[in-house]
Amino acid sequence: MSILGQDGRSLQQRAVERLIRARYILAAAAFITALVLSSGVSGWLSFAIMMLVLFAVVVLSAAMPRADSPAISPASDPAIFRLSGQQLAAQLPDPLIIFDHEGTILYVNPAANGAFGPLARGGTLLMHFRAPEMQTLVQSVMTDAMPRSADYAERVPVERWYRATVLLLDKTGGGDRQYLLSFRDQTEAHRLERMRTDFIANASHELRTPLASLSGFIETLRGPARNDATARDNFLEIMQKQAERMARLIDDLLSLSRIEMKAHIAVKDQVDLTVVLNHVADSMRPLAADLGVEIERNIDPKPVTVLGDRDELTQVFQNLVENACKYGQSGKKIIIELKPNGEAIKATVQDFGPGIPDEHIPRLTERFYRINVETSRAQKGTGLGLAIVKHILTRHRARLVVRSRVGEGSSFTVVFGPQRT
């Protein structure tokens, strides 16, 4: 009867496998032995050399690893396997929470604290996640122990979408049930889908009018106005303006889409608003001069720093100054003002034009909303400028405050909250 080792193979099988693995060493040993015997070396010396070669064969064959053996195992290098489950969970990029059968939070990884704010151990899970879909998800799994998933959205401070999953973990030694709640971030996919839907709806609506106009002019030029040079020049000029309007519209839609895709990415750069506002005032001076508007500045030369993206903040104030010049043209003057106000920082663009009726102010940042469609088109507006401003400020944790009185002008104030690095 053969004797089995720990791996289930007999000693004879292991010996044969070792000889097979060492076949090249054995061949080399045989060659050396034959060489020694044929060289005329004395008997004792030949015997010593052969014993030395045999010893080397045994040692080397024992040291050779099997083809089916793992390169590293917990027994061979236990230091590699010392990470605990908690340490592994802490490195995961997805939010993860462990809670017990009473809904008490037992563990929160750093990703969950970053996504949902501080979640203290010992707190009640359902007191933090109050959305009906989360309440139903957690209670259902706690009732029948069947894993489930549901969509969950966080609205503050920025909108984020998750796929939440709850499942039962193995019972602990005391018999108490523990559950795992994990979140997979679906924000990017959700934004892309909504962006696609909005883009199709907005583009189809806004491009329909200029495209119909172009089609009508082309039909007229190919028919009744074929030989009318005056009509042809007039129509071609209108067609060029419509094409330029469509190009501006597409540019603004793409700009808005890019900003929406970055809405959940926090800004971290230090931006000096003094430099940004002075740059905007200088760059908009030619437009203001063409419209007969004077730009005044009330900007302290000292640096006023906020966390932000310089290009995006420049886009915000260029839009506000351009609107003030175009729609407040009758006032002949605009004022750009920057001043800290306690912990907050306020940057204001004020015009002295016709003003905005109260009923329009709440809707100014809606896409394609216009107070007067004909005036907006005459000023080459797309109806997206203030929507872009709103989305940029949302990313910067800032807000836009609009005040206006009919006949006296309007002010658009960007308010930055307390700055935290």
Protein backbone atom coordinates (compact mmCIF):
# COMPACT_ATOMS: atom_id res chain seq x y z
CA MET A 1 0.00 0.00 0.00
CA SER A 2 1.42 3.37 -1.03
CA ILE A 3 1.80 6.17 1.47
CA LEU A 4 0.02 9.41 0.55
CA GLY A 5 1.45 12.86 1.17
CA GLN A 6 -0.50 16.00 2.17
CA ASP A 7 -1.33 16.75 -1.46
CA GLY A 8 -2.88 13.29 -2.03
CA ARG A 9 -0.05 11.83 -4.16
CA SER A 10 1.97 8.75 -3.21
CA LEU A 11 5.67 8.98 -2.43
CA GLN A 12 6.45 6.98 -5.59
CA GLN A 13 4.50 9.43 -7.74
CA ARG A 14 6.27 12.37 -6.16
CA ALA A 15 9.68 10.74 -6.70
CA VAL A 16 8.94 10.08 -10.37
CA GLU A 17 7.74 13.67 -10.85
CA ARG A 18 10.89 15.00 -9.20
CA LEU A 19 13.09 12.90 -11.51
CA ILE A 20 11.16 14.14 -14.54
CA ARG A 21 11.59 17.75 -13.47
CA ALA A 22 15.32 17.18 -12.92
CA ARG A 23 15.90 15.29 -16.18
CA TYR A 24 18.21 17.91 -17.63
CA ILE A 25 20.26 18.07 -14.43
CA LEU A 26 20.54 14.26 -14.46
CA ALA A 27 21.74 14.33 -18.05
CA ALA A 28 24.37 16.91 -17.16
CA ALA A 29 25.45 14.82 -14.13
CA ALA A 30 25.79 11.69 -16.28
CA PHE A 31 27.91 13.57 -18.76
CA ILE A 32 30.20 14.90 -16.00
CA THR A 33 30.50 11.42 -14.49
CA ALA A 34 31.46 9.87 -17.82
CA LEU A 35 34.00 12.61 -18.34
CA VAL A 36 35.56 12.00 -14.92
CA LEU A 37 35.76 8.22 -15.47
CA SER A 38 37.38 8.62 -18.87
CA SER A 39 39.95 11.14 -17.66
CA GLY A 40 42.00 8.61 -15.64
CA VAL A 41 41.43 10.24 -12.26
CA SER A 42 42.18 8.00 -9.24
CA GLY A 43 39.31 5.89 -7.81
CA TRP A 44 38.84 7.79 -4.54
CA LEU A 45 38.85 11.13 -6.29
CA SER A 46 36.38 9.86 -8.92
CA PHE A 47 34.08 8.56 -6.19
CA ALA A 48 34.17 11.91 -4.34
CA ILE A 49 33.35 13.85 -7.50
CA MET A 50 30.42 11.55 -8.33
CA MET A 51 29.04 11.87 -4.76
CA LEU A 52 29.28 15.64 -5.05
CA VAL A 53 27.42 15.61 -8.38
CA LEU A 54 24.73 13.31 -6.96
CA PHE A 55 24.25 15.59 -3.95
CA ALA A 56 23.88 18.61 -6.27
CA VAL A 57 21.27 16.75 -8.35
CA VAL A 58 19.18 15.91 -5.27
CA VAL A 59 19.34 19.47 -3.91
CA LEU A 60 18.51 21.16 -7.22
CA SER A 61 15.64 18.80 -8.05
CA ALA A 62 14.10 19.38 -4.62
CA ALA A 63 14.36 23.15 -5.07
CA MET A 64 12.62 23.15 -8.46
CA PRO A 65 8.91 24.22 -8.16
CA ARG A 66 6.09 22.12 -9.58
CA ALA A 67 4.33 23.52 -12.63
CA ASP A 68 0.97 23.38 -10.86
CA SER A 69 2.12 24.98 -7.60
CA PRO A 70 1.29 28.67 -6.94
CA ALA A 71 4.15 31.16 -7.02
CA ILE A 72 3.03 32.75 -3.73
CA SER A 73 0.84 31.37 -0.99
CA PRO A 74 -0.21 32.59 2.44
CA ALA A 75 2.13 30.03 4.02
CA SER A 76 5.14 31.11 1.97
CA ASP A 77 4.64 34.85 2.41
CA PRO A 78 1.95 35.69 4.97
CA ALA A 79 2.80 39.42 4.92
CA ILE A 80 1.08 39.77 1.52
CA PHE A 81 -2.22 38.50 2.91
CA ARG A 82 -2.45 40.65 6.03
CA LEU A 83 -4.94 43.22 4.65
CA SER A 84 -8.22 43.10 6.55
CA GLY A 85 -11.65 43.44 4.99
CA GLN A 86 -11.95 46.93 6.46
CA GLN A 87 -8.66 48.01 4.85
CA LEU A 88 -9.80 46.68 1.49
CA ALA A 89 -13.17 48.44 1.79
CA ALA A 90 -11.40 51.70 2.61
CA GLN A 91 -9.59 51.56 -0.75
CA LEU A 92 -12.73 51.02 -2.82
CA PRO A 93 -13.82 54.01 -4.95
CA ASP A 94 -17.52 53.17 -4.50
CA PRO A 95 -19.40 54.26 -1.35
CA LEU A 96 -19.98 51.34 1.01
CA ILE A 97 -21.92 51.11 4.30
CA ILE A 98 -22.39 48.14 6.64
CA PHE A 99 -25.37 48.15 9.04
CA ASP A 100 -27.10 45.69 11.35
CA HIS A 101 -30.63 44.28 11.60
CA GLU A 102 -31.80 47.39 13.46
CA GLY A 103 -30.47 49.76 10.80
CA THR A 104 -27.56 50.94 12.94
CA ILE A 105 -24.48 51.95 10.97
CA LEU A 106 -21.48 49.74 11.79
CA TYR A 107 -18.95 50.82 9.17
CA VAL A 108 -18.59 53.57 6.54
CA ASN A 109 -15.75 53.71 4.03
CA PRO A 110 -14.13 57.05 3.07
CA ALA A 111 -15.90 57.12 -0.32
CA ALA A 112 -19.30 57.04 1.42
CA ASN A 113 -18.32 59.86 3.77
CA GLY A 114 -17.14 61.90 0.80
CA ALA A 115 -20.34 61.32 -1.17
CA PHE A 116 -22.98 61.66 1.54
CA GLY A 117 -21.32 63.71 4.25
CA PRO A 118 -20.11 62.45 7.63
CA LEU A 119 -21.93 59.25 8.60
CA ALA A 120 -21.20 58.43 12.22
CA ARG A 121 -20.95 54.85 13.44
CA GLY A 122 -23.91 54.09 15.64
CA GLY A 123 -26.21 56.38 13.68
CA THR A 124 -29.45 55.23 12.06
CA LEU A 125 -29.15 54.52 8.36
CA LEU A 126 -32.74 55.35 7.41
CA MET A 127 -32.55 58.72 9.18
CA HIS A 128 -29.89 59.76 6.68
CA PHE A 129 -31.36 58.22 3.52
CA ARG A 130 -34.96 59.42 3.72
CA ALA A 131 -35.89 58.99 0.05
CA PRO A 132 -38.84 56.57 -0.34
CA GLU A 133 -36.92 54.33 -2.75
CA MET A 134 -34.09 53.89 -0.21
CA GLN A 135 -36.50 53.22 2.65
CA THR A 136 -38.28 50.55 0.59
CA LEU A 137 -35.01 49.00 -0.60
CA VAL A 138 -33.47 48.63 2.86
CA GLN A 139 -36.62 47.42 4.60
CA SER A 140 -37.37 44.85 1.87
CA VAL A 141 -33.93 43.25 2.14
CA MET A 142 -34.13 43.26 5.94
CA THR A 143 -37.48 41.46 5.69
CA ASP A 144 -36.65 38.58 3.33
CA ALA A 145 -32.81 38.72 3.04
CA MET A 146 -33.01 38.80 -0.77
CA PRO A 147 -30.50 41.18 -2.45
CA ARG A 148 -32.07 44.11 -4.29
CA SER A 149 -31.04 47.25 -6.18
CA ALA A 150 -32.68 50.61 -6.81
CA ASP A 151 -31.85 53.97 -8.40
CA TYR A 152 -31.11 56.77 -5.94
CA ALA A 153 -30.42 60.47 -6.56
CA GLU A 154 -28.69 63.05 -4.36
CA ARG A 155 -29.82 66.59 -5.20
CA VAL A 156 -27.60 68.66 -2.88
CA PRO A 157 -25.05 70.19 -3.29
CA VAL A 158 -25.01 68.89 -6.88
CA GLU A 159 -27.18 66.28 -8.56
CA ARG A 160 -25.68 62.79 -8.53
CA TRP A 161 -27.25 59.47 -9.49
CA TYR A 162 -26.41 56.08 -7.98
CA ARG A 163 -27.41 52.44 -8.32
CA ALA A 164 -27.83 51.34 -4.71
CA THR A 165 -27.57 47.65 -3.80
CA VAL A 166 -28.33 45.99 -0.44
CA LEU A 167 -27.42 42.39 0.38
CA LEU A 168 -27.15 40.21 3.47
CA LEU A 169 -23.66 39.41 4.74
CA ASP A 170 -22.76 36.19 6.54
CA LYS A 171 -24.07 35.94 10.09
CA THR A 172 -21.64 36.90 12.81
CA GLY A 173 -20.74 34.62 15.68
CA GLY A 174 -23.50 36.11 17.82
CA GLY A 175 -26.16 35.40 15.22
CA ASP A 176 -26.91 39.09 14.43
CA ARG A 177 -27.48 39.86 10.77
CA GLN A 178 -25.33 42.43 9.01
CA TYR A 179 -26.08 44.05 5.66
CA LEU A 180 -23.97 45.70 2.99
CA LEU A 181 -25.21 48.84 1.22
CA SER A 182 -23.10 49.80 -1.82
CA PHE A 183 -23.49 52.59 -4.38
CA ARG A 184 -22.38 52.56 -8.01
CA ASP A 185 -22.11 56.08 -9.46
CA GLN A 186 -24.36 56.41 -12.52
CA THR A 187 -24.12 60.21 -12.79
CA GLU A 188 -22.13 60.29 -16.00
CA ALA A 189 -24.43 57.84 -17.81
CA HIS A 190 -27.50 59.71 -16.56
CA ARG A 191 -26.10 63.07 -17.68
CA LEU A 192 -25.21 61.73 -21.11
CA GLU A 193 -28.69 60.34 -21.60
CA ARG A 194 -30.36 63.54 -20.44
CA MET A 195 -27.97 65.63 -22.51
CA ARG A 196 -28.82 63.58 -25.59
CA THR A 197 -32.55 63.92 -24.98
CA ASP A 198 -32.36 67.67 -24.24
CA PHE A 199 -30.09 68.31 -27.21
CA ILE A 200 -32.47 66.59 -29.62
CA ALA A 201 -35.52 68.38 -28.18
CA ASN A 202 -33.89 71.82 -28.04
CA ALA A 203 -32.09 71.61 -31.36
CA SER A 204 -35.16 70.33 -33.21
CA HIS A 205 -37.28 73.12 -31.74
CA GLU A 206 -34.86 76.01 -32.22
CA LEU A 207 -33.46 74.97 -35.59
CA ARG A 208 -36.85 74.39 -37.16
CA THR A 209 -37.55 78.11 -37.79
CA PRO A 210 -34.24 79.08 -39.44
CA LEU A 211 -34.23 75.88 -41.49
CA ALA A 212 -37.76 76.58 -42.72
CA SER A 213 -36.68 80.12 -43.57
CA LEU A 214 -33.64 78.90 -45.50
CA SER A 215 -35.74 76.35 -47.35
CA GLY A 216 -38.27 79.02 -48.35
CA PHE A 217 -35.61 81.43 -49.59
CA ILE A 218 -33.87 78.69 -51.60
CA GLU A 219 -37.18 77.74 -53.22
CA THR A 220 -37.86 81.40 -54.08
CA LEU A 221 -34.38 81.89 -55.54
CA ARG A 222 -34.82 78.82 -57.72
CA GLY A 223 -38.26 80.02 -58.87
CA PRO A 224 -39.76 83.53 -59.07
CA ALA A 225 -36.55 85.36 -58.00
CA ARG A 226 -34.25 83.39 -60.29
CA ASN A 227 -33.36 86.44 -62.37
CA ASP A 228 -34.01 89.16 -59.76
CA ALA A 229 -30.56 90.37 -58.65
CA THR A 230 -31.92 92.68 -55.94
CA ALA A 231 -34.08 89.99 -54.37
CA ARG A 232 -31.25 87.47 -54.63
CA ASP A 233 -28.81 89.72 -52.74
CA ASN A 234 -31.43 90.47 -50.08
CA PHE A 235 -32.31 86.81 -49.61
CA LEU A 236 -28.68 85.70 -49.48
CA GLU A 237 -27.97 88.23 -46.73
CA ILE A 238 -30.91 86.94 -44.68
CA MET A 239 -29.82 83.34 -45.29
CA GLN A 240 -26.32 84.16 -44.06
CA LYS A 241 -27.71 85.65 -40.85
CA GLN A 242 -29.88 82.59 -40.28
CA ALA A 243 -26.89 80.28 -40.83
CA GLU A 244 -24.82 82.33 -38.37
CA ARG A 245 -27.66 82.12 -35.83
CA MET A 246 -27.78 78.33 -36.17
CA ALA A 247 -23.99 78.16 -35.70
CA ARG A 248 -24.23 80.29 -32.51
CA LEU A 249 -27.07 78.11 -31.27
CA ILE A 250 -25.11 74.89 -31.79
CA ASP A 251 -22.02 76.39 -30.13
CA ASP A 252 -24.07 77.40 -27.08
CA LEU A 253 -25.76 73.99 -26.87
CA LEU A 254 -22.39 72.24 -26.98
CA SER A 255 -20.98 74.65 -24.39
CA LEU A 256 -23.95 74.00 -22.09
CA SER A 257 -23.55 70.24 -22.52
CA ARG A 258 -19.84 70.37 -21.62
CA ILE A 259 -20.60 72.42 -18.50
CA GLU A 260 -23.35 70.01 -17.41
CA MET A 261 -20.96 67.06 -17.75
CA LYS A 262 -18.52 68.76 -15.34
CA ALA A 263 -21.16 69.94 -12.86
CA HIS A 264 -20.23 67.27 -10.26
CA ILE A 265 -16.47 67.95 -10.47
CA ALA A 266 -15.43 70.35 -7.71
CA VAL A 267 -13.32 73.38 -8.64
CA LYS A 268 -10.01 73.63 -6.78
CA ASP A 269 -8.00 76.43 -8.41
CA GLN A 270 -7.50 79.85 -6.83
CA VAL A 271 -8.88 82.59 -9.12
CA ASP A 272 -8.47 86.33 -8.58
CA LEU A 273 -11.81 87.95 -9.46
CA THR A 274 -10.12 91.35 -9.74
CA VAL A 275 -8.05 90.10 -12.66
CA VAL A 276 -11.02 88.32 -14.27
CA LEU A 277 -13.33 91.36 -14.12
CA ASN A 278 -10.69 93.77 -15.40
CA HIS A 279 -9.97 91.40 -18.28
CA VAL A 280 -13.66 91.15 -19.13
CA ALA A 281 -14.08 94.93 -19.03
CA ASP A 282 -11.12 95.39 -21.39
CA SER A 283 -12.25 92.69 -23.81
CA MET A 284 -15.86 93.99 -23.97
CA ARG A 285 -14.92 97.65 -24.50
CA PRO A 286 -15.06 97.46 -28.34
CA LEU A 287 -18.61 96.01 -28.25
CA ALA A 288 -19.69 98.65 -25.72
CA ALA A 289 -18.21 101.43 -27.89
CA ASP A 290 -20.10 100.16 -30.95
CA LEU A 291 -23.34 100.27 -28.97
CA GLY A 292 -22.60 103.68 -27.44
CA VAL A 293 -22.25 102.30 -23.91
CA GLU A 294 -19.61 103.33 -21.36
CA ILE A 295 -18.18 100.70 -18.98
CA GLU A 296 -17.40 101.99 -15.48
CA ARG A 297 -15.49 99.97 -12.91
CA ASN A 298 -15.80 99.93 -9.16
CA ILE A 299 -13.16 97.29 -8.50
CA ASP A 300 -10.69 97.43 -5.63
CA PRO A 301 -7.16 96.74 -6.93
CA LYS A 302 -6.48 94.31 -4.06
CA PRO A 303 -6.80 90.61 -4.95
CA VAL A 304 -10.16 88.97 -4.24
CA THR A 305 -9.65 85.23 -4.49
CA VAL A 306 -12.24 82.47 -4.91
CA LEU A 307 -12.10 78.77 -5.74
CA GLY A 308 -12.99 78.37 -9.38
CA ASP A 309 -12.19 77.79 -13.01
CA ARG A 310 -10.86 80.99 -14.57
CA ASP A 311 -12.14 80.31 -18.10
CA GLU A 312 -15.64 79.48 -16.86
CA LEU A 313 -15.82 82.55 -14.60
CA THR A 314 -14.63 84.70 -17.49
CA GLN A 315 -17.46 83.23 -19.60
CA VAL A 316 -19.97 84.12 -16.86
CA PHE A 317 -19.01 87.78 -16.64
CA GLN A 318 -18.55 88.20 -20.38
CA ASN A 319 -22.12 86.99 -20.80
CA LEU A 320 -23.46 89.34 -18.12
CA VAL A 321 -21.56 92.36 -19.49
CA GLU A 322 -22.59 91.57 -23.09
CA ASN A 323 -26.25 91.31 -22.04
CA ALA A 324 -26.00 94.61 -20.12
CA CYS A 325 -24.51 96.36 -23.16
CA LYS A 326 -27.08 94.96 -25.62
CA TYR A 327 -30.30 95.07 -23.60
CA GLY A 328 -29.40 98.09 -21.44
CA GLN A 329 -28.08 100.08 -24.38
CA SER A 330 -30.53 102.91 -23.83
CA GLY A 331 -28.96 103.68 -20.44
CA LYS A 332 -25.61 104.47 -22.10
CA LYS A 333 -23.67 103.14 -19.12
CA ILE A 334 -22.97 99.95 -17.17
CA ILE A 335 -21.10 99.49 -13.89
CA ILE A 336 -18.95 96.50 -12.93
CA GLU A 337 -18.53 96.29 -9.17
CA LEU A 338 -16.64 93.86 -6.93
CA LYS A 339 -16.74 93.90 -3.17
CA PRO A 340 -16.39 91.41 -0.30
CA ASN A 341 -19.44 91.30 1.98
CA GLY A 342 -18.50 89.57 5.22
CA GLU A 343 -17.64 85.98 4.36
CA ALA A 344 -19.37 86.28 0.97
CA ILE A 345 -18.00 87.90 -2.18
CA LYS A 346 -20.28 89.80 -4.57
CA ALA A 347 -19.57 90.76 -8.18
CA THR A 348 -22.27 92.90 -9.85
CA VAL A 349 -22.97 94.02 -13.41
CA GLN A 350 -25.51 96.86 -13.45
CA ASP A 351 -27.18 98.57 -16.40
CA PHE A 352 -29.56 101.56 -16.65
CA GLY A 353 -31.75 100.33 -19.47
CA PRO A 354 -35.49 99.61 -19.64
CA GLY A 355 -35.44 97.04 -16.82
CA ILE A 356 -37.19 93.67 -16.54
CA PRO A 357 -40.79 93.15 -15.38
CA ASP A 358 -41.04 91.12 -12.17
CA GLU A 359 -42.89 88.20 -13.73
CA HIS A 360 -39.96 87.43 -16.03
CA ILE A 361 -37.14 87.43 -13.45
CA PRO A 362 -37.67 83.88 -12.04
CA ARG A 363 -37.50 82.39 -15.54
CA LEU A 364 -34.47 84.22 -16.93
CA THR A 365 -32.11 81.25 -16.50
CA GLU A 366 -34.40 78.78 -18.27
CA ARG A 367 -33.17 77.46 -21.60
CA PHE A 368 -34.47 79.49 -24.58
CA TYR A 369 -36.55 81.78 -22.38
CA ARG A 370 -36.77 85.26 -23.86
CA ILE A 371 -38.57 88.34 -22.57
CA ASN A 372 -38.97 89.63 -26.12
CA VAL A 373 -38.25 87.17 -28.93
CA GLU A 374 -37.80 89.80 -31.64
CA THR A 375 -35.45 91.92 -29.52
CA SER A 376 -33.41 88.85 -28.61
CA ARG A 377 -33.05 87.76 -32.22
CA ALA A 378 -32.16 91.30 -33.27
CA GLN A 379 -29.34 91.21 -30.69
CA LYS A 380 -28.23 87.78 -32.00
CA GLY A 381 -29.19 86.02 -28.78
CA THR A 382 -29.78 82.29 -28.53
CA GLY A 383 -31.67 82.20 -25.24
CA LEU A 384 -28.97 80.02 -23.64
CA GLY A 385 -26.59 82.60 -22.18
CA LEU A 386 -28.08 82.83 -18.69
CA ALA A 387 -28.68 79.07 -18.60
CA ILE A 388 -24.93 78.63 -19.15
CA VAL A 389 -24.26 81.18 -16.39
CA LYS A 390 -26.53 79.30 -13.98
CA HIS A 391 -24.83 75.93 -14.58
CA ILE A 392 -21.33 77.38 -14.20
CA LEU A 393 -22.27 79.08 -10.93
CA THR A 394 -23.86 75.87 -9.63
CA ARG A 395 -20.54 74.11 -10.13
CA HIS A 396 -18.80 76.98 -8.28
CA ARG A 397 -21.28 76.80 -5.35
CA ALA A 398 -22.32 80.37 -6.20
CA ARG A 399 -25.69 81.89 -7.08
CA LEU A 400 -27.06 84.59 -9.34
CA VAL A 401 -29.24 87.34 -7.81
CA VAL A 402 -31.26 89.49 -10.24
CA ARG A 403 -32.84 92.80 -9.26
CA SER A 404 -34.63 95.11 -11.65
CA ARG A 405 -37.10 97.99 -11.81
CA VAL A 406 -38.88 98.84 -15.03
CA GLY A 407 -37.54 102.07 -16.47
CA GLU A 408 -34.50 102.17 -14.15
CA GLY A 409 -32.32 99.24 -15.17
CA SER A 410 -31.20 95.87 -13.86
CA SER A 411 -28.41 94.40 -11.75
CA PHE A 412 -27.03 90.86 -11.97
CA THR A 413 -25.02 89.88 -8.89
CA VAL A 414 -22.90 86.76 -8.56
CA VAL A 415 -22.62 85.77 -4.88
CA PHE A 416 -19.79 83.45 -3.81
CA GLY A 417 -20.20 81.83 -0.42
CA PRO A 418 -17.46 81.29 2.18
CA GLN A 419 -14.36 79.93 0.50
CA ARG A 420 -12.89 76.66 1.78
CA THR A 421 -9.69 75.18 0.47
